[in-house]
């Protein structure tokens, strides 16, 4: 049995927003009750907690709701940040958050229209790929003299942005691999090849009312 006071996380394995929330929770060691959601068949409990019904959503023990992925990351890391994700080695925290904001606004806008042009009236997939590539080149430049975006160790920006770059790379892997972004490609491989990333991408069955609770991250060896 798990504690009734454990926060509840509604998540979807492949959603990049949910990925980054799980990354921060796992890195911080903050356990939650994980409820895997099927987006085409959302449980009514999720809709009641957060009417916009997007993932991730974190329901805290006191009834407070955190329904923005970046806020979930900050909540988890604010409680415990053993890897120092909130303290970048180079640059400031404000600069780090500004880069994440650029990802969440411009890059994500173009990524969606490159990956799913049929969902956006009049979208030109190639034009949006070109715009998204400009952000990828910006990341490549940041990685010129350091292995991570803000120094010699990973920080929040790396883990907040990597799931979206992973999605970008996955639209046309051959094209992405052929781009002049060797540092970005190594960086992405370092994130997605890590034990931490592997653990947050474990598969779970869709949650249904009455299911026994699933604790995340699961107990086990250090995953950071």
N, C-alpha and C. Protein backbone atom coordinates (compact mmCIF):
# COMPACT_ATOMS: atom_id res chain seq x y z
N UNK A 1 0.84 -1.20 0.00
CA UNK A 1 0.00 0.00 0.00
C UNK A 1 0.88 1.26 0.00
N UNK A 2 0.39 2.31 -0.62
CA UNK A 2 1.12 3.57 -0.59
C UNK A 2 0.39 4.54 0.31
N UNK A 3 1.10 5.56 0.70
CA UNK A 3 0.51 6.56 1.56
C UNK A 3 -0.61 7.30 0.84
N UNK A 4 -1.72 7.53 1.56
CA UNK A 4 -2.82 8.27 0.97
C UNK A 4 -2.41 9.71 0.66
N UNK A 5 -1.31 10.15 1.27
CA UNK A 5 -0.86 11.53 1.08
C UNK A 5 0.04 11.69 -0.14
N UNK A 6 0.33 10.60 -0.85
CA UNK A 6 1.22 10.69 -1.99
C UNK A 6 0.57 11.51 -3.12
N UNK A 7 1.29 12.47 -3.70
CA UNK A 7 0.71 13.22 -4.83
C UNK A 7 0.37 12.28 -5.98
N UNK A 8 -0.56 12.69 -6.80
CA UNK A 8 -1.00 11.91 -7.95
C UNK A 8 -0.56 12.62 -9.22
N UNK A 9 0.12 11.89 -10.12
CA UNK A 9 0.57 12.44 -11.38
C UNK A 9 -0.18 11.77 -12.53
N UNK A 10 -0.93 12.57 -13.27
CA UNK A 10 -1.53 12.09 -14.52
C UNK A 10 -0.52 12.36 -15.63
N UNK A 11 -0.18 11.32 -16.39
CA UNK A 11 0.90 11.42 -17.35
C UNK A 11 0.57 10.63 -18.61
N UNK A 12 1.34 10.85 -19.65
CA UNK A 12 1.26 10.09 -20.89
C UNK A 12 2.68 9.87 -21.36
N UNK A 13 3.06 8.64 -21.53
CA UNK A 13 4.45 8.26 -21.73
C UNK A 13 5.15 9.05 -22.83
N UNK A 14 4.51 9.27 -23.97
CA UNK A 14 5.20 9.86 -25.12
C UNK A 14 5.09 11.38 -25.18
N UNK A 15 4.32 12.00 -24.32
CA UNK A 15 4.19 13.45 -24.35
C UNK A 15 5.47 14.10 -23.83
N UNK A 16 6.09 15.00 -24.61
CA UNK A 16 7.34 15.62 -24.14
C UNK A 16 7.17 16.45 -22.88
N UNK A 17 6.01 17.07 -22.70
CA UNK A 17 5.78 17.80 -21.46
C UNK A 17 5.76 16.85 -20.27
N UNK A 18 5.09 15.72 -20.43
CA UNK A 18 5.04 14.73 -19.35
C UNK A 18 6.40 14.11 -19.10
N UNK A 19 7.18 13.93 -20.17
CA UNK A 19 8.53 13.38 -20.01
C UNK A 19 9.36 14.25 -19.09
N UNK A 20 9.33 15.56 -19.34
CA UNK A 20 10.21 16.41 -18.54
C UNK A 20 9.74 16.50 -17.10
N UNK A 21 8.44 16.41 -16.87
CA UNK A 21 7.96 16.37 -15.50
C UNK A 21 8.45 15.10 -14.81
N UNK A 22 8.37 13.95 -15.49
CA UNK A 22 8.84 12.70 -14.90
C UNK A 22 10.34 12.73 -14.67
N UNK A 23 11.09 13.35 -15.58
CA UNK A 23 12.54 13.46 -15.39
C UNK A 23 12.87 14.18 -14.09
N UNK A 24 12.20 15.29 -13.83
CA UNK A 24 12.48 16.05 -12.62
C UNK A 24 12.04 15.29 -11.37
N UNK A 25 10.89 14.65 -11.44
CA UNK A 25 10.42 13.87 -10.29
C UNK A 25 11.39 12.74 -9.99
N UNK A 26 11.84 12.04 -11.03
CA UNK A 26 12.76 10.94 -10.82
C UNK A 26 14.11 11.42 -10.30
N UNK A 27 14.62 12.52 -10.86
CA UNK A 27 15.91 13.04 -10.41
C UNK A 27 15.86 13.51 -8.97
N UNK A 28 14.71 14.06 -8.57
CA UNK A 28 14.58 14.58 -7.21
C UNK A 28 14.23 13.48 -6.21
N UNK A 29 13.76 12.34 -6.73
CA UNK A 29 13.35 11.25 -5.84
C UNK A 29 11.98 11.47 -5.21
N UNK A 30 11.21 12.41 -5.76
CA UNK A 30 9.88 12.68 -5.22
C UNK A 30 8.89 11.67 -5.78
N UNK A 31 8.42 10.78 -4.93
CA UNK A 31 7.51 9.76 -5.40
C UNK A 31 6.08 10.28 -5.53
N UNK A 32 5.39 9.77 -6.53
CA UNK A 32 4.01 10.10 -6.80
C UNK A 32 3.26 8.82 -7.14
N UNK A 33 1.95 8.91 -7.11
CA UNK A 33 1.14 7.84 -7.67
C UNK A 33 0.94 8.16 -9.14
N UNK A 34 1.49 7.32 -10.01
CA UNK A 34 1.43 7.55 -11.45
C UNK A 34 0.14 6.99 -12.02
N UNK A 35 -0.55 7.82 -12.79
CA UNK A 35 -1.75 7.39 -13.51
C UNK A 35 -1.52 7.66 -14.99
N UNK A 36 -1.21 6.61 -15.71
CA UNK A 36 -0.98 6.72 -17.15
C UNK A 36 -2.31 6.95 -17.88
N UNK A 37 -2.32 7.96 -18.74
CA UNK A 37 -3.54 8.39 -19.41
C UNK A 37 -3.51 8.00 -20.88
N UNK A 38 -4.63 7.55 -21.40
CA UNK A 38 -4.82 7.40 -22.84
C UNK A 38 -5.53 8.67 -23.32
N UNK A 39 -4.88 9.45 -24.15
CA UNK A 39 -5.39 10.78 -24.47
C UNK A 39 -6.73 10.75 -25.19
N UNK A 40 -7.01 9.69 -25.91
CA UNK A 40 -8.30 9.62 -26.60
C UNK A 40 -9.41 9.11 -25.67
N UNK A 41 -9.06 8.71 -24.46
CA UNK A 41 -10.04 8.19 -23.51
C UNK A 41 -9.63 8.63 -22.10
N UNK A 42 -9.70 9.93 -21.86
CA UNK A 42 -9.20 10.50 -20.61
C UNK A 42 -10.12 10.13 -19.46
N UNK A 43 -9.56 9.73 -18.33
CA UNK A 43 -10.41 9.39 -17.18
C UNK A 43 -11.12 10.63 -16.65
N UNK A 44 -12.34 10.47 -16.17
CA UNK A 44 -13.09 11.63 -15.66
C UNK A 44 -12.40 12.28 -14.47
N UNK A 45 -11.62 11.52 -13.72
CA UNK A 45 -10.91 12.09 -12.57
C UNK A 45 -9.94 13.17 -13.03
N UNK A 46 -9.28 12.97 -14.17
CA UNK A 46 -8.35 13.97 -14.70
C UNK A 46 -9.11 15.24 -15.08
N UNK A 47 -10.24 15.08 -15.74
CA UNK A 47 -11.01 16.23 -16.18
C UNK A 47 -11.53 17.04 -14.99
N UNK A 48 -11.91 16.33 -13.91
CA UNK A 48 -12.39 17.03 -12.72
C UNK A 48 -11.26 17.82 -12.05
N UNK A 49 -10.09 17.25 -12.03
CA UNK A 49 -8.95 17.91 -11.38
C UNK A 49 -8.47 19.11 -12.20
N UNK A 50 -8.41 18.93 -13.52
CA UNK A 50 -7.91 19.99 -14.40
C UNK A 50 -8.78 20.01 -15.65
N UNK A 51 -9.73 20.94 -15.74
CA UNK A 51 -10.68 20.94 -16.85
C UNK A 51 -10.04 21.00 -18.23
N UNK A 52 -8.83 21.55 -18.34
CA UNK A 52 -8.22 21.56 -19.67
C UNK A 52 -7.76 20.16 -20.08
N UNK A 53 -7.64 19.26 -19.11
CA UNK A 53 -7.43 17.82 -19.36
C UNK A 53 -6.22 17.51 -20.23
N UNK A 54 -5.16 18.27 -20.04
CA UNK A 54 -3.90 17.95 -20.69
C UNK A 54 -2.95 17.37 -19.66
N UNK A 55 -1.94 16.67 -20.12
CA UNK A 55 -0.94 16.11 -19.21
C UNK A 55 0.37 16.86 -19.41
N UNK A 56 1.18 16.90 -18.33
CA UNK A 56 0.98 16.27 -17.02
C UNK A 56 0.14 17.16 -16.09
N UNK A 57 -0.47 16.50 -15.13
CA UNK A 57 -1.17 17.19 -14.04
C UNK A 57 -0.73 16.53 -12.74
N UNK A 58 -0.35 17.35 -11.78
CA UNK A 58 0.05 16.85 -10.47
C UNK A 58 -0.96 17.33 -9.43
N UNK A 59 -1.59 16.38 -8.77
CA UNK A 59 -2.54 16.69 -7.70
C UNK A 59 -1.82 16.45 -6.37
N UNK A 60 -1.60 17.53 -5.62
CA UNK A 60 -0.86 17.44 -4.37
C UNK A 60 -1.75 16.94 -3.24
N UNK A 61 -1.12 16.53 -2.18
CA UNK A 61 -1.86 15.94 -1.06
C UNK A 61 -2.83 16.92 -0.43
N UNK A 62 -2.52 18.22 -0.52
CA UNK A 62 -3.41 19.22 0.08
C UNK A 62 -4.53 19.66 -0.87
N UNK A 63 -4.61 19.01 -2.03
CA UNK A 63 -5.65 19.34 -3.00
C UNK A 63 -5.23 20.36 -4.05
N UNK A 64 -4.06 20.96 -3.89
CA UNK A 64 -3.58 21.91 -4.90
C UNK A 64 -3.26 21.16 -6.19
N UNK A 65 -3.45 21.86 -7.30
CA UNK A 65 -3.23 21.26 -8.61
C UNK A 65 -2.13 22.03 -9.34
N UNK A 66 -1.16 21.29 -9.85
CA UNK A 66 -0.09 21.86 -10.66
C UNK A 66 -0.23 21.26 -12.05
N UNK A 67 -0.67 22.06 -13.01
CA UNK A 67 -0.96 21.49 -14.33
C UNK A 67 -0.13 22.09 -15.45
N UNK A 68 1.07 22.57 -15.09
CA UNK A 68 2.05 22.99 -16.09
C UNK A 68 3.33 22.19 -15.84
N UNK A 69 3.87 21.62 -16.90
CA UNK A 69 5.01 20.71 -16.73
C UNK A 69 6.22 21.40 -16.11
N UNK A 70 6.50 22.62 -16.51
CA UNK A 70 7.66 23.32 -15.95
C UNK A 70 7.46 23.60 -14.48
N UNK A 71 6.22 23.91 -14.08
CA UNK A 71 5.94 24.12 -12.65
C UNK A 71 6.10 22.83 -11.86
N UNK A 72 5.77 21.70 -12.47
CA UNK A 72 5.98 20.42 -11.79
C UNK A 72 7.47 20.19 -11.60
N UNK A 73 8.26 20.50 -12.62
CA UNK A 73 9.71 20.36 -12.49
C UNK A 73 10.24 21.22 -11.35
N UNK A 74 9.80 22.47 -11.30
CA UNK A 74 10.27 23.38 -10.25
C UNK A 74 9.80 22.93 -8.88
N UNK A 75 8.59 22.40 -8.79
CA UNK A 75 8.08 21.89 -7.51
C UNK A 75 8.95 20.74 -7.02
N UNK A 76 9.24 19.80 -7.88
CA UNK A 76 10.03 18.63 -7.48
C UNK A 76 11.46 19.03 -7.11
N UNK A 77 12.09 19.83 -7.97
CA UNK A 77 13.48 20.21 -7.72
C UNK A 77 13.60 21.18 -6.56
N UNK A 78 12.55 21.94 -6.31
CA UNK A 78 12.57 22.82 -5.14
C UNK A 78 12.57 22.04 -3.84
N UNK A 79 12.04 20.84 -3.88
CA UNK A 79 12.04 19.98 -2.69
C UNK A 79 13.36 19.24 -2.51
N UNK A 80 13.96 18.84 -3.63
CA UNK A 80 15.23 18.11 -3.56
C UNK A 80 15.87 18.17 -4.94
N UNK A 81 17.08 18.66 -4.99
CA UNK A 81 17.78 18.86 -6.26
C UNK A 81 19.20 18.32 -6.17
N UNK A 82 19.35 17.00 -6.04
CA UNK A 82 20.68 16.43 -5.79
C UNK A 82 21.67 16.63 -6.93
N UNK A 83 21.16 16.82 -8.16
CA UNK A 83 22.05 16.98 -9.30
C UNK A 83 22.31 18.45 -9.64
N UNK A 84 21.72 19.35 -8.88
CA UNK A 84 21.94 20.78 -9.10
C UNK A 84 21.35 21.31 -10.39
N UNK A 85 20.20 20.78 -10.79
CA UNK A 85 19.57 21.23 -12.04
C UNK A 85 19.12 22.69 -11.98
N UNK A 86 18.86 23.20 -10.78
CA UNK A 86 18.40 24.58 -10.66
C UNK A 86 19.56 25.57 -10.55
N UNK A 87 20.77 25.07 -10.49
CA UNK A 87 21.93 25.95 -10.34
C UNK A 87 22.90 25.70 -11.49
N UNK A 88 22.66 26.33 -12.65
CA UNK A 88 23.53 26.09 -13.80
C UNK A 88 24.96 26.52 -13.51
N UNK A 89 25.89 25.77 -14.08
CA UNK A 89 27.30 26.06 -13.84
C UNK A 89 27.73 27.35 -14.53
N UNK A 90 27.20 27.58 -15.73
CA UNK A 90 27.50 28.82 -16.43
C UNK A 90 26.19 29.53 -16.76
N UNK A 91 26.22 30.84 -16.79
CA UNK A 91 25.00 31.58 -17.01
C UNK A 91 24.16 31.62 -15.74
N UNK A 92 23.04 32.30 -15.83
CA UNK A 92 22.18 32.46 -14.67
C UNK A 92 20.94 31.60 -14.80
N UNK A 93 20.24 31.48 -13.70
CA UNK A 93 18.97 30.75 -13.74
C UNK A 93 17.98 31.47 -14.65
N UNK A 94 18.00 32.79 -14.65
CA UNK A 94 17.11 33.55 -15.52
C UNK A 94 17.40 33.26 -16.99
N UNK A 95 18.67 33.17 -17.35
CA UNK A 95 19.04 32.85 -18.73
C UNK A 95 18.59 31.44 -19.10
N UNK A 96 18.72 30.54 -18.16
CA UNK A 96 18.28 29.17 -18.38
C UNK A 96 16.78 29.11 -18.64
N UNK A 97 16.02 29.82 -17.82
CA UNK A 97 14.57 29.80 -17.99
C UNK A 97 14.16 30.50 -19.28
N UNK A 98 14.94 31.49 -19.71
CA UNK A 98 14.63 32.17 -20.97
C UNK A 98 14.82 31.22 -22.16
N UNK A 99 15.83 30.37 -22.09
CA UNK A 99 16.05 29.40 -23.17
C UNK A 99 14.91 28.38 -23.19
N UNK A 100 14.46 27.95 -22.03
CA UNK A 100 13.32 27.04 -21.96
C UNK A 100 12.07 27.71 -22.54
N UNK A 101 11.88 28.98 -22.23
CA UNK A 101 10.73 29.71 -22.76
C UNK A 101 10.79 29.79 -24.29
N UNK A 102 11.98 29.96 -24.85
CA UNK A 102 12.13 29.99 -26.31
C UNK A 102 11.76 28.64 -26.91
N UNK A 103 12.12 27.58 -26.22
CA UNK A 103 11.73 26.24 -26.66
C UNK A 103 10.21 26.09 -26.63
N UNK A 104 9.61 26.50 -25.53
CA UNK A 104 8.18 26.26 -25.32
C UNK A 104 7.30 27.10 -26.23
N UNK A 105 7.81 28.22 -26.68
CA UNK A 105 7.03 29.10 -27.55
C UNK A 105 7.39 28.84 -29.01
N UNK A 106 8.47 29.43 -29.48
CA UNK A 106 8.80 29.35 -30.90
C UNK A 106 9.10 27.96 -31.41
N UNK A 107 10.01 27.25 -30.74
CA UNK A 107 10.42 25.93 -31.25
C UNK A 107 9.23 24.96 -31.27
N UNK A 108 8.47 24.91 -30.19
CA UNK A 108 7.33 24.00 -30.13
C UNK A 108 6.28 24.36 -31.19
N UNK A 109 6.08 25.63 -31.42
CA UNK A 109 5.13 26.06 -32.46
C UNK A 109 5.51 25.47 -33.82
N UNK A 110 6.77 25.61 -34.18
CA UNK A 110 7.22 25.12 -35.49
C UNK A 110 7.30 23.59 -35.50
N UNK A 111 7.69 22.99 -34.41
CA UNK A 111 7.76 21.53 -34.32
C UNK A 111 6.39 20.91 -34.58
N UNK A 112 5.37 21.45 -33.97
CA UNK A 112 4.02 20.90 -34.16
C UNK A 112 3.60 20.95 -35.62
N UNK A 113 3.92 22.03 -36.30
CA UNK A 113 3.49 22.20 -37.69
C UNK A 113 4.39 21.45 -38.66
N UNK A 114 5.58 21.13 -38.25
CA UNK A 114 6.46 20.25 -39.04
C UNK A 114 6.02 18.80 -38.88
N UNK A 115 5.73 18.39 -37.66
CA UNK A 115 5.38 16.99 -37.40
C UNK A 115 3.94 16.67 -37.81
N UNK A 116 3.04 17.61 -37.58
CA UNK A 116 1.62 17.37 -37.85
C UNK A 116 1.03 18.47 -38.76
N UNK A 117 1.52 18.64 -39.98
CA UNK A 117 1.00 19.73 -40.82
C UNK A 117 -0.49 19.58 -41.12
N UNK A 118 -0.97 18.34 -41.12
CA UNK A 118 -2.39 18.11 -41.42
C UNK A 118 -3.30 18.64 -40.32
N UNK A 119 -2.77 18.90 -39.15
CA UNK A 119 -3.58 19.42 -38.04
C UNK A 119 -3.65 20.94 -38.03
N UNK A 120 -2.88 21.58 -38.89
CA UNK A 120 -2.79 23.04 -38.88
C UNK A 120 -3.05 23.55 -40.29
N UNK A 121 -4.15 24.21 -40.46
CA UNK A 121 -4.59 24.66 -41.78
C UNK A 121 -3.52 25.54 -42.43
N UNK A 122 -3.11 25.12 -43.62
CA UNK A 122 -2.15 25.90 -44.40
C UNK A 122 -0.71 25.74 -43.98
N UNK A 123 -0.42 24.85 -43.05
CA UNK A 123 0.96 24.70 -42.58
C UNK A 123 1.85 24.11 -43.66
N UNK A 124 3.02 24.70 -43.83
CA UNK A 124 4.04 24.21 -44.76
C UNK A 124 5.09 23.50 -43.91
N UNK A 125 5.10 22.18 -43.94
CA UNK A 125 5.97 21.40 -43.06
C UNK A 125 7.44 21.77 -43.25
N UNK A 126 7.87 21.95 -44.50
CA UNK A 126 9.28 22.24 -44.74
C UNK A 126 9.67 23.62 -44.23
N UNK A 127 8.77 24.58 -44.37
CA UNK A 127 9.06 25.92 -43.86
C UNK A 127 9.17 25.90 -42.34
N UNK A 128 8.29 25.16 -41.70
CA UNK A 128 8.35 25.09 -40.25
C UNK A 128 9.57 24.29 -39.78
N UNK A 129 9.98 23.28 -40.56
CA UNK A 129 11.22 22.58 -40.22
C UNK A 129 12.40 23.53 -40.26
N UNK A 130 12.42 24.41 -41.25
CA UNK A 130 13.50 25.39 -41.36
C UNK A 130 13.53 26.32 -40.16
N UNK A 131 12.36 26.75 -39.70
CA UNK A 131 12.29 27.63 -38.53
C UNK A 131 12.73 26.88 -37.27
N UNK A 132 12.30 25.65 -37.13
CA UNK A 132 12.71 24.86 -35.97
C UNK A 132 14.21 24.59 -36.00
N UNK A 133 14.75 24.41 -37.19
CA UNK A 133 16.19 24.15 -37.32
C UNK A 133 17.02 25.33 -36.81
N UNK A 134 16.48 26.53 -36.89
CA UNK A 134 17.21 27.69 -36.38
C UNK A 134 17.41 27.59 -34.88
N UNK A 135 16.41 27.05 -34.18
CA UNK A 135 16.57 26.86 -32.73
C UNK A 135 17.56 25.73 -32.46
N UNK A 136 17.51 24.68 -33.26
CA UNK A 136 18.47 23.58 -33.10
C UNK A 136 19.90 24.10 -33.29
N UNK A 137 20.09 24.97 -34.27
CA UNK A 137 21.42 25.55 -34.49
C UNK A 137 21.84 26.42 -33.31
N UNK A 138 20.89 27.07 -32.69
CA UNK A 138 21.18 27.88 -31.50
C UNK A 138 21.67 26.97 -30.36
N UNK A 139 21.05 25.83 -30.21
CA UNK A 139 21.50 24.88 -29.19
C UNK A 139 22.89 24.33 -29.53
N UNK A 140 23.10 24.04 -30.80
CA UNK A 140 24.41 23.56 -31.25
C UNK A 140 25.50 24.56 -30.87
N UNK A 141 25.23 25.83 -31.06
CA UNK A 141 26.22 26.86 -30.73
C UNK A 141 26.50 26.90 -29.24
N UNK A 142 25.47 26.72 -28.42
CA UNK A 142 25.66 26.73 -26.97
C UNK A 142 26.53 25.56 -26.53
N UNK A 143 26.47 24.46 -27.28
CA UNK A 143 27.22 23.25 -26.91
C UNK A 143 28.63 23.24 -27.48
N UNK A 144 29.04 24.33 -28.07
CA UNK A 144 30.34 24.39 -28.73
C UNK A 144 31.49 24.17 -27.75
N UNK A 145 31.40 24.74 -26.56
CA UNK A 145 32.52 24.68 -25.63
C UNK A 145 32.19 23.91 -24.34
N UNK A 146 31.03 23.26 -24.31
CA UNK A 146 30.61 22.56 -23.08
C UNK A 146 29.65 21.45 -23.47
N UNK A 147 29.63 20.36 -22.69
CA UNK A 147 28.79 19.22 -23.07
C UNK A 147 27.30 19.41 -22.81
N UNK A 148 26.96 20.36 -21.93
CA UNK A 148 25.56 20.61 -21.61
C UNK A 148 25.25 22.07 -21.86
N UNK A 149 23.99 22.42 -21.90
CA UNK A 149 23.61 23.76 -22.33
C UNK A 149 24.13 24.86 -21.43
N UNK A 150 24.34 24.53 -20.15
CA UNK A 150 24.81 25.55 -19.21
C UNK A 150 26.00 25.08 -18.40
N UNK A 151 26.88 24.31 -19.03
CA UNK A 151 28.11 23.95 -18.33
C UNK A 151 28.49 22.50 -18.47
N UNK A 152 29.21 22.03 -17.47
CA UNK A 152 29.77 20.68 -17.50
C UNK A 152 28.82 19.63 -16.95
N UNK A 153 27.69 20.05 -16.43
CA UNK A 153 26.70 19.07 -15.96
C UNK A 153 25.31 19.48 -16.42
N UNK A 154 24.44 18.51 -16.49
CA UNK A 154 23.07 18.77 -16.93
C UNK A 154 22.37 19.71 -15.96
N UNK A 155 21.48 20.51 -16.51
CA UNK A 155 20.67 21.41 -15.70
C UNK A 155 19.22 21.30 -16.16
N UNK A 156 18.35 22.05 -15.51
CA UNK A 156 16.93 21.98 -15.85
C UNK A 156 16.69 22.22 -17.33
N UNK A 157 17.40 23.17 -17.92
CA UNK A 157 17.17 23.48 -19.33
C UNK A 157 17.39 22.27 -20.22
N UNK A 158 18.43 21.50 -19.95
CA UNK A 158 18.70 20.31 -20.76
C UNK A 158 17.52 19.35 -20.72
N UNK A 159 17.01 19.09 -19.53
CA UNK A 159 15.95 18.10 -19.38
C UNK A 159 14.58 18.64 -19.77
N UNK A 160 14.42 19.96 -19.72
CA UNK A 160 13.16 20.55 -20.15
C UNK A 160 13.06 20.62 -21.67
N UNK A 161 14.21 20.73 -22.35
CA UNK A 161 14.23 20.90 -23.80
C UNK A 161 14.42 19.59 -24.54
N UNK A 162 15.19 18.68 -23.99
CA UNK A 162 15.56 17.45 -24.70
C UNK A 162 14.36 16.65 -25.22
N UNK A 163 13.26 16.50 -24.47
CA UNK A 163 12.14 15.72 -25.03
C UNK A 163 11.57 16.31 -26.32
N UNK A 164 11.67 17.62 -26.48
CA UNK A 164 11.16 18.26 -27.70
C UNK A 164 12.16 18.09 -28.86
N UNK A 165 13.45 18.17 -28.56
CA UNK A 165 14.45 17.91 -29.60
C UNK A 165 14.37 16.44 -30.03
N UNK A 166 14.11 15.56 -29.09
CA UNK A 166 13.92 14.14 -29.42
C UNK A 166 12.76 13.97 -30.39
N UNK A 167 11.68 14.68 -30.15
CA UNK A 167 10.52 14.61 -31.05
C UNK A 167 10.88 15.17 -32.42
N UNK A 168 11.61 16.28 -32.44
CA UNK A 168 12.05 16.90 -33.69
C UNK A 168 12.91 15.92 -34.49
N UNK A 169 13.86 15.29 -33.81
CA UNK A 169 14.74 14.33 -34.48
C UNK A 169 13.97 13.14 -35.02
N UNK A 170 12.92 12.75 -34.34
CA UNK A 170 12.19 11.56 -34.72
C UNK A 170 11.28 11.72 -35.92
N UNK A 171 10.99 12.95 -36.33
CA UNK A 171 10.13 13.15 -37.50
C UNK A 171 10.80 12.59 -38.75
N UNK A 172 12.07 12.88 -38.91
CA UNK A 172 12.86 12.38 -40.05
C UNK A 172 14.28 12.14 -39.54
N UNK A 173 14.52 10.96 -38.94
CA UNK A 173 15.82 10.71 -38.32
C UNK A 173 17.00 10.85 -39.29
N UNK A 174 16.83 10.41 -40.53
CA UNK A 174 17.93 10.50 -41.49
C UNK A 174 18.29 11.96 -41.77
N UNK A 175 17.27 12.80 -41.91
CA UNK A 175 17.53 14.23 -42.13
C UNK A 175 18.23 14.84 -40.92
N UNK A 176 17.73 14.54 -39.73
CA UNK A 176 18.32 15.11 -38.52
C UNK A 176 19.78 14.68 -38.38
N UNK A 177 20.06 13.42 -38.64
CA UNK A 177 21.43 12.92 -38.51
C UNK A 177 22.38 13.56 -39.51
N UNK A 178 21.83 14.02 -40.64
CA UNK A 178 22.67 14.61 -41.69
C UNK A 178 22.96 16.09 -41.47
N UNK A 179 22.33 16.68 -40.46
CA UNK A 179 22.52 18.12 -40.21
C UNK A 179 23.87 18.37 -39.52
N UNK A 180 24.42 19.58 -39.68
CA UNK A 180 25.72 19.91 -39.09
C UNK A 180 25.61 20.26 -37.61
N UNK A 181 25.04 19.31 -36.86
CA UNK A 181 24.82 19.52 -35.44
C UNK A 181 25.41 18.37 -34.63
N UNK A 182 26.70 18.09 -34.76
CA UNK A 182 27.26 16.94 -34.06
C UNK A 182 27.17 17.05 -32.54
N UNK A 183 27.33 18.25 -32.01
CA UNK A 183 27.27 18.42 -30.57
C UNK A 183 25.84 18.22 -30.06
N UNK A 184 24.88 18.74 -30.79
CA UNK A 184 23.48 18.57 -30.42
C UNK A 184 23.09 17.09 -30.49
N UNK A 185 23.56 16.42 -31.50
CA UNK A 185 23.26 14.99 -31.64
C UNK A 185 23.87 14.18 -30.49
N UNK A 186 25.09 14.51 -30.09
CA UNK A 186 25.71 13.83 -28.94
C UNK A 186 24.97 14.15 -27.66
N UNK A 187 24.58 15.41 -27.51
CA UNK A 187 23.83 15.83 -26.32
C UNK A 187 22.52 15.07 -26.21
N UNK A 188 21.79 14.99 -27.31
CA UNK A 188 20.52 14.28 -27.29
C UNK A 188 20.74 12.80 -26.97
N UNK A 189 21.77 12.20 -27.55
CA UNK A 189 22.06 10.80 -27.27
C UNK A 189 22.43 10.59 -25.81
N UNK A 190 23.13 11.57 -25.22
CA UNK A 190 23.50 11.45 -23.81
C UNK A 190 22.27 11.47 -22.91
N UNK A 191 21.30 12.31 -23.25
CA UNK A 191 20.07 12.37 -22.45
C UNK A 191 19.26 11.10 -22.63
N UNK A 192 18.95 10.76 -23.88
CA UNK A 192 18.05 9.64 -24.14
C UNK A 192 18.69 8.29 -23.86
N UNK A 193 20.02 8.25 -23.82
CA UNK A 193 20.70 7.00 -23.51
C UNK A 193 21.00 6.82 -22.03
N UNK A 194 20.59 7.78 -21.22
CA UNK A 194 20.90 7.71 -19.79
C UNK A 194 19.97 6.74 -19.07
N UNK A 195 20.44 6.24 -17.93
CA UNK A 195 19.61 5.38 -17.10
C UNK A 195 18.37 6.12 -16.64
N UNK A 196 18.53 7.39 -16.31
CA UNK A 196 17.40 8.19 -15.86
C UNK A 196 16.30 8.23 -16.92
N UNK A 197 16.67 8.52 -18.16
CA UNK A 197 15.67 8.60 -19.22
C UNK A 197 15.03 7.25 -19.46
N UNK A 198 15.84 6.20 -19.43
CA UNK A 198 15.28 4.87 -19.61
C UNK A 198 14.23 4.52 -18.58
N UNK A 199 14.47 4.92 -17.34
CA UNK A 199 13.51 4.60 -16.28
C UNK A 199 12.22 5.40 -16.41
N UNK A 200 12.32 6.65 -16.85
CA UNK A 200 11.08 7.44 -16.95
C UNK A 200 10.25 7.04 -18.17
N UNK A 201 10.87 6.25 -19.08
CA UNK A 201 10.15 5.80 -20.26
C UNK A 201 9.65 4.36 -20.13
N UNK A 202 9.72 3.80 -18.93
CA UNK A 202 9.10 2.49 -18.71
C UNK A 202 7.63 2.55 -19.09
N UNK A 203 7.11 1.45 -19.59
CA UNK A 203 5.71 1.41 -20.01
C UNK A 203 4.82 0.98 -18.85
N UNK A 204 3.67 1.63 -18.75
CA UNK A 204 2.67 1.31 -17.74
C UNK A 204 1.31 1.17 -18.43
N UNK A 205 0.48 0.28 -17.93
CA UNK A 205 -0.86 0.16 -18.53
C UNK A 205 -1.70 1.39 -18.22
N UNK A 206 -2.67 1.69 -19.07
CA UNK A 206 -3.56 2.84 -18.80
C UNK A 206 -4.25 2.67 -17.45
N UNK A 207 -4.35 3.76 -16.71
CA UNK A 207 -4.99 3.72 -15.39
C UNK A 207 -6.50 3.75 -15.53
N UNK A 208 -7.15 2.97 -14.68
CA UNK A 208 -8.60 2.97 -14.59
C UNK A 208 -9.00 3.09 -13.12
N UNK A 209 -10.12 3.70 -12.86
CA UNK A 209 -10.63 3.85 -11.50
C UNK A 209 -10.65 2.50 -10.81
N UNK A 210 -10.07 2.45 -9.62
CA UNK A 210 -10.04 1.22 -8.85
C UNK A 210 -8.77 0.41 -9.02
N UNK A 211 -7.91 0.80 -9.97
CA UNK A 211 -6.65 0.09 -10.16
C UNK A 211 -5.76 0.27 -8.93
N UNK A 212 -4.96 -0.73 -8.61
CA UNK A 212 -3.99 -0.54 -7.52
C UNK A 212 -3.00 0.55 -7.89
N UNK A 213 -2.53 1.31 -6.94
CA UNK A 213 -1.64 2.44 -7.24
C UNK A 213 -0.29 1.98 -7.77
N UNK A 214 0.26 2.79 -8.65
CA UNK A 214 1.61 2.58 -9.18
C UNK A 214 2.49 3.71 -8.67
N UNK A 215 3.54 3.36 -7.96
CA UNK A 215 4.45 4.36 -7.41
C UNK A 215 5.53 4.69 -8.44
N UNK A 216 5.74 5.99 -8.64
CA UNK A 216 6.78 6.48 -9.55
C UNK A 216 7.58 7.58 -8.86
N UNK A 217 8.91 7.61 -8.98
CA UNK A 217 9.72 6.55 -9.59
C UNK A 217 9.72 5.30 -8.72
N UNK A 218 9.84 4.15 -9.36
CA UNK A 218 9.84 2.92 -8.57
C UNK A 218 11.09 2.82 -7.72
N UNK A 219 10.98 2.11 -6.63
CA UNK A 219 12.14 1.90 -5.77
C UNK A 219 13.19 1.14 -6.54
N UNK A 220 14.44 1.47 -6.31
CA UNK A 220 15.51 0.79 -7.03
C UNK A 220 16.81 1.54 -6.87
N UNK A 221 17.82 1.18 -7.70
CA UNK A 221 19.11 1.86 -7.61
C UNK A 221 19.02 3.29 -8.06
N UNK A 222 20.06 4.03 -7.74
CA UNK A 222 20.16 5.43 -8.15
C UNK A 222 19.97 5.52 -9.66
N UNK A 223 19.10 6.40 -10.12
CA UNK A 223 18.82 6.49 -11.55
C UNK A 223 19.31 7.79 -12.15
N UNK A 224 20.03 8.58 -11.42
CA UNK A 224 20.51 9.83 -11.97
C UNK A 224 21.87 9.68 -12.60
